[in-house]
PDB file of N, CA and C in Angstrom:
ATOM      1  N   MET A   1      90.877  85.172  83.171  1.00  0.00           N
ATOM      2  CA  MET A   1      91.213  85.461  84.566  1.00  0.00           C
ATOM      3  C   MET A   1      90.234  86.488  85.116  1.00  0.00           C
ATOM      4  N   THR A   2      89.723  86.226  86.298  1.00  0.00           N
ATOM      5  CA  THR A   2      88.834  87.163  86.970  1.00  0.00           C
ATOM      6  C   THR A   2      89.638  88.367  87.421  1.00  0.00           C
ATOM      7  N   ASP A   3      88.996  89.508  87.562  1.00  0.00           N
ATOM      8  CA  ASP A   3      89.664  90.760  87.883  1.00  0.00           C
ATOM      9  C   ASP A   3      90.177  90.783  89.324  1.00  0.00           C
ATOM     10  N   LEU A   4      91.494  90.692  89.487  1.00  0.00           N
ATOM     11  CA  LEU A   4      92.104  90.708  90.802  1.00  0.00           C
ATOM     12  C   LEU A   4      91.889  92.044  91.495  1.00  0.00           C
ATOM     13  N   ARG A   5      91.879  93.132  90.738  1.00  0.00           N
ATOM     14  CA  ARG A   5      91.664  94.442  91.361  1.00  0.00           C
ATOM     15  C   ARG A   5      90.349  94.458  92.140  1.00  0.00           C
ATOM     16  N   LYS A   6      89.282  93.908  91.547  1.00  0.00           N
ATOM     17  CA  LYS A   6      87.994  93.867  92.244  1.00  0.00           C
ATOM     18  C   LYS A   6      88.081  93.010  93.510  1.00  0.00           C
ATOM     19  N   SER A   7      88.828  91.917  93.452  1.00  0.00           N
ATOM     20  CA  SER A   7      89.005  91.080  94.643  1.00  0.00           C
ATOM     21  C   SER A   7      89.719  91.851  95.742  1.00  0.00           C
ATOM     22  N   VAL A   8      90.750  92.623  95.364  1.00  0.00           N
ATOM     23  CA  VAL A   8      91.499  93.398  96.355  1.00  0.00           C
ATOM     24  C   VAL A   8      90.636  94.523  96.920  1.00  0.00           C
ATOM     25  N   GLU A   9      89.874  95.204  96.080  1.00  0.00           N
ATOM     26  CA  GLU A   9      88.959  96.240  96.581  1.00  0.00           C
ATOM     27  C   GLU A   9      87.979  95.635  97.582  1.00  0.00           C
ATOM     28  N   SER A  10      87.452  94.461  97.266  1.00  0.00           N
ATOM     29  CA  SER A  10      86.532  93.773  98.176  1.00  0.00           C
ATOM     30  C   SER A  10      87.247  93.342  99.449  1.00  0.00           C
ATOM     31  N   PHE A  11      88.450  92.829  99.331  1.00  0.00           N
ATOM     32  CA  PHE A  11      89.271  92.426 100.477  1.00  0.00           C
ATOM     33  C   PHE A  11      89.340  93.553 101.498  1.00  0.00           C
ATOM     34  N   TRP A  12      89.708  94.769 101.053  1.00  0.00           N
ATOM     35  CA  TRP A  12      89.821  95.896 101.984  1.00  0.00           C
ATOM     36  C   TRP A  12      88.457  96.326 102.516  1.00  0.00           C
ATOM     37  N   ALA A  13      87.449  96.350 101.664  1.00  0.00           N
ATOM     38  CA  ALA A  13      86.111  96.762 102.109  1.00  0.00           C
ATOM     39  C   ALA A  13      85.560  95.783 103.158  1.00  0.00           C
ATOM     40  N   PHE A  14      85.741  94.488 102.935  1.00  0.00           N
ATOM     41  CA  PHE A  14      85.247  93.490 103.887  1.00  0.00           C
ATOM     42  C   PHE A  14      86.053  93.514 105.176  1.00  0.00           C
ATOM     43  N   ALA A  15      87.357  93.806 105.086  1.00  0.00           N
ATOM     44  CA  ALA A  15      88.170  93.935 106.305  1.00  0.00           C
ATOM     45  C   ALA A  15      87.651  95.100 107.152  1.00  0.00           C
ATOM     46  N   GLU A  16      87.441  96.238 106.523  1.00  0.00           N
ATOM     47  CA  GLU A  16      86.936  97.414 107.254  1.00  0.00           C
ATOM     48  C   GLU A  16      85.571  97.131 107.867  1.00  0.00           C
ATOM     49  N   ALA A  17      84.711  96.393 107.148  1.00  0.00           N
ATOM     50  CA  ALA A  17      83.360  96.073 107.628  1.00  0.00           C
ATOM     51  C   ALA A  17      83.350  94.918 108.637  1.00  0.00           C
ATOM     52  N   ARG A  18      84.503  94.245 108.807  1.00  0.00           N
ATOM     53  CA  ARG A  18      84.622  93.078 109.689  1.00  0.00           C
ATOM     54  C   ARG A  18      83.694  91.943 109.237  1.00  0.00           C
ATOM     55  N   ASP A  19      83.506  91.848 107.918  1.00  0.00           N
ATOM     56  CA  ASP A  19      82.706  90.765 107.336  1.00  0.00           C
ATOM     57  C   ASP A  19      83.676  89.639 106.977  1.00  0.00           C
ATOM     58  N   TRP A  20      83.995  88.807 107.971  1.00  0.00           N
ATOM     59  CA  TRP A  20      85.064  87.828 107.815  1.00  0.00           C
ATOM     60  C   TRP A  20      84.701  86.691 106.867  1.00  0.00           C
ATOM     61  N   THR A  21      83.442  86.402 106.699  1.00  0.00           N
ATOM     62  CA  THR A  21      83.035  85.370 105.742  1.00  0.00           C
ATOM     63  C   THR A  21      83.283  85.855 104.319  1.00  0.00           C
ATOM     64  N   ALA A  22      82.840  87.069 104.014  1.00  0.00           N
ATOM     65  CA  ALA A  22      83.073  87.627 102.678  1.00  0.00           C
ATOM     66  C   ALA A  22      84.563  87.884 102.450  1.00  0.00           C
ATOM     67  N   PHE A  23      85.263  88.338 103.483  1.00  0.00           N
ATOM     68  CA  PHE A  23      86.711  88.551 103.407  1.00  0.00           C
ATOM     69  C   PHE A  23      87.402  87.249 102.992  1.00  0.00           C
ATOM     70  N   ALA A  24      87.037  86.151 103.638  1.00  0.00           N
ATOM     71  CA  ALA A  24      87.634  84.848 103.332  1.00  0.00           C
ATOM     72  C   ALA A  24      87.385  84.450 101.882  1.00  0.00           C
ATOM     73  N   ASP A  25      86.236  84.825 101.337  1.00  0.00           N
ATOM     74  CA  ASP A  25      85.900  84.468  99.952  1.00  0.00           C
ATOM     75  C   ASP A  25      86.801  85.151  98.927  1.00  0.00           C
ATOM     76  N   THR A  26      87.519  86.205  99.310  1.00  0.00           N
ATOM     77  CA  THR A  26      88.438  86.871  98.378  1.00  0.00           C
ATOM     78  C   THR A  26      89.772  86.131  98.295  1.00  0.00           C
ATOM     79  N   LEU A  27      89.994  85.181  99.203  1.00  0.00           N
ATOM     80  CA  LEU A  27      91.290  84.522  99.348  1.00  0.00           C
ATOM     81  C   LEU A  27      91.295  83.111  98.780  1.00  0.00           C
ATOM     82  N   ALA A  28      92.425  82.740  98.189  1.00  0.00           N
ATOM     83  CA  ALA A  28      92.638  81.347  97.810  1.00  0.00           C
ATOM     84  C   ALA A  28      92.774  80.525  99.097  1.00  0.00           C
ATOM     85  N   GLU A  29      92.409  79.273  99.039  1.00  0.00           N
ATOM     86  CA  GLU A  29      92.502  78.392 100.209  1.00  0.00           C
ATOM     87  C   GLU A  29      93.936  78.333 100.743  1.00  0.00           C
ATOM     88  N   ASP A  30      94.911  78.345  99.835  1.00  0.00           N
ATOM     89  CA  ASP A  30      96.321  78.224 100.223  1.00  0.00           C
ATOM     90  C   ASP A  30      97.052  79.568 100.209  1.00  0.00           C
ATOM     91  N   VAL A  31      96.338  80.656 100.474  1.00  0.00           N
ATOM     92  CA  VAL A  31      96.943  81.991 100.488  1.00  0.00           C
ATOM     93  C   VAL A  31      98.163  82.001 101.412  1.00  0.00           C
ATOM     94  N   VAL A  32      99.178  82.758 101.000  1.00  0.00           N
ATOM     95  CA  VAL A  32     100.376  82.939 101.823  1.00  0.00           C
ATOM     96  C   VAL A  32     100.524  84.436 102.093  1.00  0.00           C
ATOM     97  N   TYR A  33     100.590  84.776 103.376  1.00  0.00           N
ATOM     98  CA  TYR A  33     100.718  86.164 103.835  1.00  0.00           C
ATOM     99  C   TYR A  33     102.084  86.326 104.486  1.00  0.00           C
ATOM    100  N   THR A  34     102.836  87.332 104.049  1.00  0.00           N
ATOM    101  CA  THR A  34     104.182  87.556 104.566  1.00  0.00           C
ATOM    102  C   THR A  34     104.345  88.992 105.030  1.00  0.00           C
ATOM    103  N   LEU A  35     104.974  89.137 106.204  1.00  0.00           N
ATOM    104  CA  LEU A  35     105.354  90.436 106.759  1.00  0.00           C
ATOM    105  C   LEU A  35     106.886  90.461 106.828  1.00  0.00           C
ATOM    106  N   PRO A  36     107.579  90.978 105.794  1.00  0.00           N
ATOM    107  CA  PRO A  36     109.038  90.935 105.782  1.00  0.00           C
ATOM    108  C   PRO A  36     109.699  91.640 106.967  1.00  0.00           C
ATOM    109  N   GLN A  37     109.114  92.727 107.463  1.00  0.00           N
ATOM    110  CA  GLN A  37     109.753  93.474 108.545  1.00  0.00           C
ATOM    111  C   GLN A  37     109.806  92.694 109.856  1.00  0.00           C
ATOM    112  N   THR A  38     108.820  91.851 110.108  1.00  0.00           N
ATOM    113  CA  THR A  38     108.810  91.052 111.341  1.00  0.00           C
ATOM    114  C   THR A  38     109.186  89.592 111.077  1.00  0.00           C
ATOM    115  N   ARG A  39     109.419  89.261 109.805  1.00  0.00           N
ATOM    116  CA  ARG A  39     109.769  87.904 109.396  1.00  0.00           C
ATOM    117  C   ARG A  39     108.701  86.895 109.823  1.00  0.00           C
ATOM    118  N   GLU A  40     107.425  87.279 109.650  1.00  0.00           N
ATOM    119  CA  GLU A  40     106.305  86.382 109.951  1.00  0.00           C
ATOM    120  C   GLU A  40     105.646  85.950 108.647  1.00  0.00           C
ATOM    121  N   ARG A  41     105.089  84.732 108.679  1.00  0.00           N
ATOM    122  CA  ARG A  41     104.361  84.213 107.521  1.00  0.00           C
ATOM    123  C   ARG A  41     103.174  83.411 108.028  1.00  0.00           C
ATOM    124  N   ILE A  42     102.059  83.546 107.344  1.00  0.00           N
ATOM    125  CA  ILE A  42     100.870  82.740 107.619  1.00  0.00           C
ATOM    126  C   ILE A  42     100.521  82.029 106.326  1.00  0.00           C
ATOM    127  N   SER A  43     100.352  80.731 106.390  1.00  0.00           N
ATOM    128  CA  SER A  43      99.962  79.944 105.221  1.00  0.00           C
ATOM    129  C   SER A  43      98.568  79.392 105.440  1.00  0.00           C
ATOM    130  N   GLY A  44      97.676  79.710 104.528  1.00  0.00           N
ATOM    131  CA  GLY A  44      96.316  79.199 104.595  1.00  0.00           C
ATOM    132  C   GLY A  44      95.284  80.247 104.961  1.00  0.00           C
ATOM    133  N   ARG A  45      94.129  80.107 104.340  1.00  0.00           N
ATOM    134  CA  ARG A  45      93.026  81.056 104.512  1.00  0.00           C
ATOM    135  C   ARG A  45      92.557  81.171 105.954  1.00  0.00           C
ATOM    136  N   GLU A  46      92.345  80.026 106.605  1.00  0.00           N
ATOM    137  CA  GLU A  46      91.777  80.040 107.954  1.00  0.00           C
ATOM    138  C   GLU A  46      92.652  80.835 108.931  1.00  0.00           C
ATOM    139  N   GLY A  47      93.939  80.588 108.916  1.00  0.00           N
ATOM    140  CA  GLY A  47      94.844  81.296 109.822  1.00  0.00           C
ATOM    141  C   GLY A  47      94.934  82.778 109.522  1.00  0.00           C
ATOM    142  N   PHE A  48      94.931  83.120 108.229  1.00  0.00           N
ATOM    143  CA  PHE A  48      95.021  84.532 107.860  1.00  0.00           C
ATOM    144  C   PHE A  48      93.759  85.293 108.252  1.00  0.00           C
ATOM    145  N   VAL A  49      92.602  84.694 108.071  1.00  0.00           N
ATOM    146  CA  VAL A  49      91.354  85.343 108.483  1.00  0.00           C
ATOM    147  C   VAL A  49      91.357  85.544 110.001  1.00  0.00           C
ATOM    148  N   GLU A  50      91.784  84.528 110.736  1.00  0.00           N
ATOM    149  CA  GLU A  50      91.817  84.638 112.193  1.00  0.00           C
ATOM    150  C   GLU A  50      92.807  85.710 112.647  1.00  0.00           C
ATOM    151  N   PHE A  51      93.939  85.805 111.977  1.00  0.00           N
ATOM    152  CA  PHE A  51      94.935  86.846 112.266  1.00  0.00           C
ATOM    153  C   PHE A  51      94.296  88.228 112.177  1.00  0.00           C
ATOM    154  N   ASN A  52      93.504  88.463 111.154  1.00  0.00           N
ATOM    155  CA  ASN A  52      92.831  89.761 110.981  1.00  0.00           C
ATOM    156  C   ASN A  52      91.686  89.936 111.973  1.00  0.00           C
ATOM    157  N   ARG A  53      90.934  88.886 112.195  1.00  0.00           N
ATOM    158  CA  ARG A  53      89.809  88.950 113.141  1.00  0.00           C
ATOM    159  C   ARG A  53      90.303  89.304 114.549  1.00  0.00           C
ATOM    160  N   GLU A  54      91.466  88.779 114.933  1.00  0.00           N
ATOM    161  CA  GLU A  54      92.002  88.982 116.278  1.00  0.00           C
ATOM    162  C   GLU A  54      92.867  90.229 116.422  1.00  0.00           C
ATOM    163  N   TYR A  55      93.077  90.979 115.335  1.00  0.00           N
ATOM    164  CA  TYR A  55      93.960  92.144 115.431  1.00  0.00           C
ATOM    165  C   TYR A  55      93.398  93.093 116.491  1.00  0.00           C
ATOM    166  N   PRO A  56      94.231  93.491 117.457  1.00  0.00           N
ATOM    167  CA  PRO A  56      93.718  94.257 118.605  1.00  0.00           C
ATOM    168  C   PRO A  56      93.370  95.705 118.273  1.00  0.00           C
ATOM    169  N   GLY A  57      92.505  96.253 119.096  1.00  0.00           N
ATOM    170  CA  GLY A  57      92.167  97.669 119.014  1.00  0.00           C
ATOM    171  C   GLY A  57      91.022  97.960 118.070  1.00  0.00           C
ATOM    172  N   ASP A  58      90.587  99.206 118.114  1.00  0.00           N
ATOM    173  CA  ASP A  58      89.511  99.696 117.248  1.00  0.00           C
ATOM    174  C   ASP A  58      90.156 100.275 115.994  1.00  0.00           C
ATOM    175  N   TRP A  59      90.541  99.385 115.078  1.00  0.00           N
ATOM    176  CA  TRP A  59      91.261  99.814 113.889  1.00  0.00           C
ATOM    177  C   TRP A  59      90.315 100.090 112.723  1.00  0.00           C
ATOM    178  N   HIS A  60      90.784 100.971 111.854  1.00  0.00           N
ATOM    179  CA  HIS A  60      90.053 101.303 110.633  1.00  0.00           C
ATOM    180  C   HIS A  60      91.057 101.553 109.526  1.00  0.00           C
ATOM    181  N   LEU A  61      90.619 101.363 108.304  1.00  0.00           N
ATOM    182  CA  LEU A  61      91.512 101.592 107.179  1.00  0.00           C
ATOM    183  C   LEU A  61      90.792 102.321 106.064  1.00  0.00           C
ATOM    184  N   ARG A  62      91.597 102.993 105.276  1.00  0.00           N
ATOM    185  CA  ARG A  62      91.099 103.701 104.091  1.00  0.00           C
ATOM    186  C   ARG A  62      92.115 103.460 102.974  1.00  0.00           C
ATOM    187  N   VAL A  63      91.648 103.030 101.835  1.00  0.00           N
ATOM    188  CA  VAL A  63      92.528 102.820 100.693  1.00  0.00           C
ATOM    189  C   VAL A  63      92.858 104.181 100.082  1.00  0.00           C
ATOM    190  N   GLU A  64      94.147 104.470  99.991  1.00  0.00           N
ATOM    191  CA  GLU A  64      94.618 105.713  99.395  1.00  0.00           C
ATOM    192  C   GLU A  64      94.829 105.573  97.888  1.00  0.00           C
ATOM    193  N   ARG A  65      95.370 104.410  97.479  1.00  0.00           N
ATOM    194  CA  ARG A  65      95.694 104.234  96.064  1.00  0.00           C
ATOM    195  C   ARG A  65      95.781 102.750  95.735  1.00  0.00           C
ATOM    196  N   ILE A  66      95.372 102.423  94.515  1.00  0.00           N
ATOM    197  CA  ILE A  66      95.488 101.068  93.985  1.00  0.00           C
ATOM    198  C   ILE A  66      96.162 101.153  92.616  1.00  0.00           C
ATOM    199  N   VAL A  67      97.176 100.314  92.421  1.00  0.00           N
ATOM    200  CA  VAL A  67      97.830 100.180  91.123  1.00  0.00           C
ATOM    201  C   VAL A  67      97.669  98.716  90.731  1.00  0.00           C
ATOM    202  N   ALA A  68      97.113  98.474  89.545  1.00  0.00           N
ATOM    203  CA  ALA A  68      96.792  97.101  89.170  1.00  0.00           C
ATOM    204  C   ALA A  68      97.228  96.789  87.747  1.00  0.00           C
ATOM    205  N   GLU A  69      97.618  95.552  87.584  1.00  0.00           N
ATOM    206  CA  GLU A  69      97.844  94.972  86.263  1.00  0.00           C
ATOM    207  C   GLU A  69      97.359  93.536  86.366  1.00  0.00           C
ATOM    208  N   PRO A  70      97.185  92.832  85.266  1.00  0.00           N
ATOM    209  CA  PRO A  70      96.671  91.466  85.355  1.00  0.00           C
ATOM    210  C   PRO A  70      97.526  90.592  86.276  1.00  0.00           C
ATOM    211  N   GLY A  71      96.883  90.025  87.274  1.00  0.00           N
ATOM    212  CA  GLY A  71      97.555  89.106  88.175  1.00  0.00           C
ATOM    213  C   GLY A  71      98.292  89.728  89.342  1.00  0.00           C
ATOM    214  N   GLN A  72      98.450  91.072  89.357  1.00  0.00           N
ATOM    215  CA  GLN A  72      99.171  91.745  90.433  1.00  0.00           C
ATOM    216  C   GLN A  72      98.513  93.074  90.763  1.00  0.00           C
ATOM    217  N   VAL A  73      98.435  93.356  92.066  1.00  0.00           N
ATOM    218  CA  VAL A  73      97.861  94.622  92.530  1.00  0.00           C
ATOM    219  C   VAL A  73      98.706  95.111  93.697  1.00  0.00           C
ATOM    220  N   VAL A  74      98.906  96.432  93.754  1.00  0.00           N
ATOM    221  CA  VAL A  74      99.587  97.060  94.881  1.00  0.00           C
ATOM    222  C   VAL A  74      98.632  98.094  95.466  1.00  0.00           C
ATOM    223  N   THR A  75      98.536  98.119  96.805  1.00  0.00           N
ATOM    224  CA  THR A  75      97.697  99.134  97.456  1.00  0.00           C
ATOM    225  C   THR A  75      98.509  99.904  98.481  1.00  0.00           C
ATOM    226  N   TRP A  76      98.070 101.131  98.692  1.00  0.00           N
ATOM    227  CA  TRP A  76      98.591 101.998  99.742  1.00  0.00           C
ATOM    228  C   TRP A  76      97.389 102.291 100.625  1.00  0.00           C
ATOM    229  N   VAL A  77      97.458 101.911 101.904  1.00  0.00           N
ATOM    230  CA  VAL A  77      96.328 102.120 102.815  1.00  0.00           C
ATOM    231  C   VAL A  77      96.731 102.983 104.002  1.00  0.00           C
ATOM    232  N   HIS A  78      95.783 103.754 104.461  1.00  0.00           N
ATOM    233  CA  HIS A  78      95.916 104.540 105.693  1.00  0.00           C
ATOM    234  C   HIS A  78      95.195 103.744 106.765  1.00  0.00           C
ATOM    235  N   PHE A  79      95.897 103.469 107.852  1.00  0.00           N
ATOM    236  CA  PHE A  79      95.397 102.579 108.897  1.00  0.00           C
ATOM    237  C   PHE A  79      95.456 103.315 110.222  1.00  0.00           C
ATOM    238  N   THR A  80      94.366 103.258 110.989  1.00  0.00           N
ATOM    239  CA  THR A  80      94.363 103.872 112.316  1.00  0.00           C
ATOM    240  C   THR A  80      93.961 102.821 113.357  1.00  0.00           C
ATOM    241  N   VAL A  81      94.612 102.940 114.513  1.00  0.00           N
ATOM    242  CA  VAL A  81      94.231 102.161 115.691  1.00  0.00           C
ATOM    243  C   VAL A  81      94.146 103.185 116.806  1.00  0.00           C
ATOM    244  N   GLY A  82      92.915 103.522 117.209  1.00  0.00           N
ATOM    245  CA  GLY A  82      92.741 104.605 118.171  1.00  0.00           C
ATOM    246  C   GLY A  82      93.277 105.892 117.577  1.00  0.00           C
ATOM    247  N   LEU A  83      94.237 106.530 118.249  1.00  0.00           N
ATOM    248  CA  LEU A  83      94.827 107.777 117.752  1.00  0.00           C
ATOM    249  C   LEU A  83      96.076 107.544 116.913  1.00  0.00           C
ATOM    250  N   GLU A  84      96.569 106.322 116.865  1.00  0.00           N
ATOM    251  CA  GLU A  84      97.773 106.014 116.097  1.00  0.00           C
ATOM    252  C   GLU A  84      97.433 105.877 114.610  1.00  0.00           C
ATOM    253  N   GLU A  85      98.244 106.511 113.771  1.00  0.00           N
ATOM    254  CA  GLU A  85      98.056 106.439 112.322  1.00  0.00           C
ATOM    255  C   GLU A  85      99.287 105.837 111.674  1.00  0.00           C
ATOM    256  N   MET A  86      99.079 105.031 110.642  1.00  0.00           N
ATOM    257  CA  MET A  86     100.181 104.469 109.885  1.00  0.00           C
ATOM    258  C   MET A  86      99.731 104.194 108.461  1.00  0.00           C
ATOM    259  N   TYR A  87     100.710 103.991 107.613  1.00  0.00           N
ATOM    260  CA  TYR A  87     100.444 103.672 106.219  1.00  0.00           C
ATOM    261  C   TYR A  87     101.033 102.313 105.895  1.00  0.00           C
ATOM    262  N   GLY A  88     100.324 101.550 105.103  1.00  0.00           N
ATOM    263  CA  GLY A  88     100.807 100.245 104.686  1.00  0.00           C
ATOM    264  C   GLY A  88     100.835 100.148 103.175  1.00  0.00           C
ATOM    265  N   ILE A  89     101.791  99.388 102.676  1.00  0.00           N
ATOM    266  CA  ILE A  89     101.902  99.100 101.250  1.00  0.00           C
ATOM    267  C   ILE A  89     101.801  97.590 101.119  1.00  0.00           C
ATOM    268  N   THR A  90     100.846  97.140 100.326  1.00  0.00           N
ATOM    269  CA  THR A  90     100.571  95.713 100.217  1.00  0.00           C
ATOM    270  C   THR A  90     100.620  95.281  98.764  1.00  0.00           C
ATOM    271  N   PHE A  91     101.349  94.190  98.510  1.00  0.00           N
ATOM    272  CA  PHE A  91     101.458  93.588  97.187  1.00  0.00           C
ATOM    273  C   PHE A  91     100.606  92.325  97.170  1.00  0.00           C
ATOM    274  N   PHE A  92      99.757  92.202  96.161  1.00  0.00           N
ATOM    275  CA  PHE A  92      98.864  91.054  96.014  1.00  0.00           C
ATOM    276  C   PHE A  92      99.154  90.342  94.697  1.00  0.00           C
ATOM    277  N   THR A  93      99.113  89.020  94.745  1.00  0.00           N
ATOM    278  CA  THR A  93      99.149  88.195  93.539  1.00  0.00           C
ATOM    279  C   THR A  93      97.893  87.351  93.556  1.00  0.00           C
ATOM    280  N   GLY A  94      97.333  87.116  92.368  1.00  0.00           N
ATOM    281  CA  GLY A  94      96.100  86.348  92.284  1.00  0.00           C
ATOM    282  C   GLY A  94      96.284  85.000  91.622  1.00  0.00           C
ATOM    283  N   ASP A  95      95.300  84.136  91.825  1.00  0.00           N
ATOM    284  CA  ASP A  95      95.289  82.847  91.137  1.00  0.00           C
ATOM    285  C   ASP A  95      94.401  82.952  89.896  1.00  0.00           C
ATOM    286  N   GLU A  96      94.198  81.830  89.210  1.00  0.00           N
ATOM    287  CA  GLU A  96      93.425  81.826  87.954  1.00  0.00           C
ATOM    288  C   GLU A  96      91.969  82.254  88.139  1.00  0.00           C
ATOM    289  N   SER A  97      91.442  82.066  89.346  1.00  0.00           N
ATOM    290  CA  SER A  97      90.040  82.407  89.592  1.00  0.00           C
ATOM    291  C   SER A  97      89.863  83.858  90.042  1.00  0.00           C
ATOM    292  N   GLY A  98      90.978  84.597  90.190  1.00  0.00           N
ATOM    293  CA  GLY A  98      90.890  85.980  90.648  1.00  0.00           C
ATOM    294  C   GLY A  98      90.943  86.129  92.152  1.00  0.00           C
ATOM    295  N   ARG A  99      91.106  85.022  92.861  1.00  0.00           N
ATOM    296  CA  ARG A  99      91.260  85.099  94.315  1.00  0.00           C
ATOM    297  C   ARG A  99      92.701  85.485  94.654  1.00  0.00           C
ATOM    298  N   ILE A 100      92.881  86.052  95.818  1.00  0.00           N
ATOM    299  CA  ILE A 100      94.189  86.489  96.286  1.00  0.00           C
ATOM    300  C   ILE A 100      94.954  85.267  96.783  1.00  0.00           C
ATOM    301  N   SER A 101      96.161  85.057  96.223  1.00  0.00           N
ATOM    302  CA  SER A 101      96.940  83.866  96.594  1.00  0.00           C
ATOM    303  C   SER A 101      98.215  84.199  97.360  1.00  0.00           C
ATOM    304  N   VAL A 102      98.758  85.396  97.151  1.00  0.00           N
ATOM    305  CA  VAL A 102      99.974  85.811  97.848  1.00  0.00           C
ATOM    306  C   VAL A 102      99.808  87.264  98.267  1.00  0.00           C
ATOM    307  N   ILE A 103     100.134  87.558  99.532  1.00  0.00           N
ATOM    308  CA  ILE A 103     100.062  88.919 100.069  1.00  0.00           C
ATOM    309  C   ILE A 103     101.383  89.202 100.770  1.00  0.00           C
ATOM    310  N   THR A 104     102.003  90.321 100.411  1.00  0.00           N
ATOM    311  CA  THR A 104     103.205  90.772 101.102  1.00  0.00           C
ATOM    312  C   THR A 104     102.925  92.173 101.602  1.00  0.00           C
ATOM    313  N   ASP A 105     103.057  92.355 102.917  1.00  0.00           N
ATOM    314  CA  ASP A 105     102.623  93.575 103.603  1.00  0.00           C
ATOM    315  C   ASP A 105     103.823  94.322 104.191  1.00  0.00           C
ATOM    316  N   PHE A 106     103.943  95.603 103.867  1.00  0.00           N
ATOM    317  CA  PHE A 106     104.995  96.449 104.422  1.00  0.00           C
ATOM    318  C   PHE A 106     104.355  97.586 105.210  1.00  0.00           C
ATOM    319  N   TRP A 107     104.852  97.823 106.427  1.00  0.00           N
ATOM    320  CA  TRP A 107     104.365  98.885 107.304  1.00  0.00           C
ATOM    321  C   TRP A 107     105.537  99.799 107.668  1.00  0.00           C
ATOM    322  N   PRO A 108     105.877 100.722 106.762  1.00  0.00           N
ATOM    323  CA  PRO A 108     107.038 101.583 107.026  1.00  0.00           C
ATOM    324  C   PRO A 108     106.780 102.552 108.178  1.00  0.00           C
ATOM    325  N   GLU A 109     107.816 102.769 108.959  1.00  0.00           N
ATOM    326  CA  GLU A 109     107.752 103.701 110.086  1.00  0.00           C
ATOM    327  C   GLU A 109     108.175 105.090 109.614  1.00  0.00           C
ATOM    328  N   PRO A 110     107.478 106.142 110.047  1.00  0.00           N
ATOM    329  CA  PRO A 110     107.941 107.492 109.711  1.00  0.00           C
ATOM    330  C   PRO A 110     109.262 107.784 110.439  1.00  0.00           C
ATOM    331  N   TYR A 111     110.067 108.635 109.861  1.00  0.00           N
ATOM    332  CA  TYR A 111     111.333 109.009 110.490  1.00  0.00           C
ATOM    333  C   TYR A 111     111.686 110.437 110.106  1.00  0.00           C
ATOM    334  N   GLU A 112     112.558 111.049 110.888  1.00  0.00           N
ATOM    335  CA  GLU A 112     113.011 112.409 110.618  1.00  0.00           C
ATOM    336  C   GLU A 112     114.073 112.380 109.526  1.00  0.00           C
ATOM    337  N   PRO A 113     114.020 113.347 108.610  1.00  0.00           N
ATOM    338  CA  PRO A 113     115.012 113.359 107.535  1.00  0.00           C
ATOM    339  C   PRO A 113     116.388 113.767 108.067  1.00  0.00           C
ATOM    340  N   PRO A 114     117.431 113.363 107.365  1.00  0.00           N
ATOM    341  CA  PRO A 114     118.768 113.777 107.759  1.00  0.00           C
ATOM    342  C   PRO A 114     118.940 115.284 107.619  1.00  0.00           C
ATOM    343  N   ALA A 115     119.797 115.830 108.459  1.00  0.00           N
ATOM    344  CA  ALA A 115     120.082 117.268 108.401  1.00  0.00           C
ATOM    345  C   ALA A 115     120.828 117.594 107.106  1.00  0.00           C
ATOM    346  N   GLY A 116     120.667 118.821 106.653  1.00  0.00           N
ATOM    347  CA  GLY A 116     121.446 119.300 105.523  1.00  0.00           C
ATOM    348  C   GLY A 116     120.721 119.348 104.198  1.00  0.00           C
ATOM    349  N   ARG A 117     119.481 118.962 104.161  1.00  0.00           N
ATOM    350  CA  ARG A 117     118.764 119.051 102.889  1.00  0.00           C
ATOM    351  C   ARG A 117     117.519 119.930 102.977  1.00  0.00           C
ATOM    352  N   GLU A 118     117.432 120.690 104.067  1.00  0.00           N
ATOM    353  CA  GLU A 118     116.256 121.559 104.284  1.00  0.00           C
ATOM    354  C   GLU A 118     116.063 122.544 103.132  1.00  0.00           C
ATOM    355  N   HIS A 119     117.147 122.979 102.515  1.00  0.00           N
ATOM    356  CA  HIS A 119     117.062 123.948 101.420  1.00  0.00           C
ATOM    357  C   HIS A 119     116.486 123.331 100.141  1.00  0.00           C
ATOM    358  N   LEU A 120     116.366 122.009 100.112  1.00  0.00           N
ATOM    359  CA  LEU A 120     115.866 121.319  98.925  1.00  0.00           C
ATOM    360  C   LEU A 120     114.456 120.751  99.104  1.00  0.00           C
ATOM    361  N   THR A 121     113.983 120.729 100.349  1.00  0.00           N
ATOM    362  CA  THR A 121     112.718 120.045 100.608  1.00  0.00           C
ATOM    363  C   THR A 121     111.719 120.953 101.305  1.00  0.00           C
ATOM    364  N   GLU A 122     110.495 120.495 101.298  1.00  0.00           N
ATOM    365  CA  GLU A 122     109.407 121.147 102.017  1.00  0.00           C
ATOM    366  C   GLU A 122     108.798 120.104 102.943  1.00  0.00           C
ATOM    367  N   ARG A 123     108.622 120.423 104.212  1.00  0.00           N
ATOM    368  CA  ARG A 123     108.007 119.480 105.153  1.00  0.00           C
ATOM    369  C   ARG A 123     106.492 119.663 105.141  1.00  0.00           C
ATOM    370  N   PHE A 124     105.763 118.578 105.234  1.00  0.00           N
ATOM    371  CA  PHE A 124     104.294 118.637 105.303  1.00  0.00           C
ATOM    372  C   PHE A 124     103.801 117.853 106.471  1.00  0.00           C
TER     373      PHE A 124
END
């Protein structure tokens, strides 16, 4: 099996560089992309590449962390669109050739903690 971690590292680097041809090469033809929070799914390389190509705004990303094991990789990315900042957690599964075949993307929203635990926590 080809190294999926390298495919995922390339996936993010090519996305940031807007190199959509190289980005597409990291993906299996039948890649499935799922966004559980919005209940959206894209099936197929062509549609997924176009989804990223058309994403609005002057966005940029930085990989914060990668956790990998054979056939599965998880990334934590810092994503900016203009002045807006967010973090994403993405789960990747690979095929036999090391291409990305399944992507599940989570974009958690920041929120204020509940009252009553200030004595136990530190805010940053």
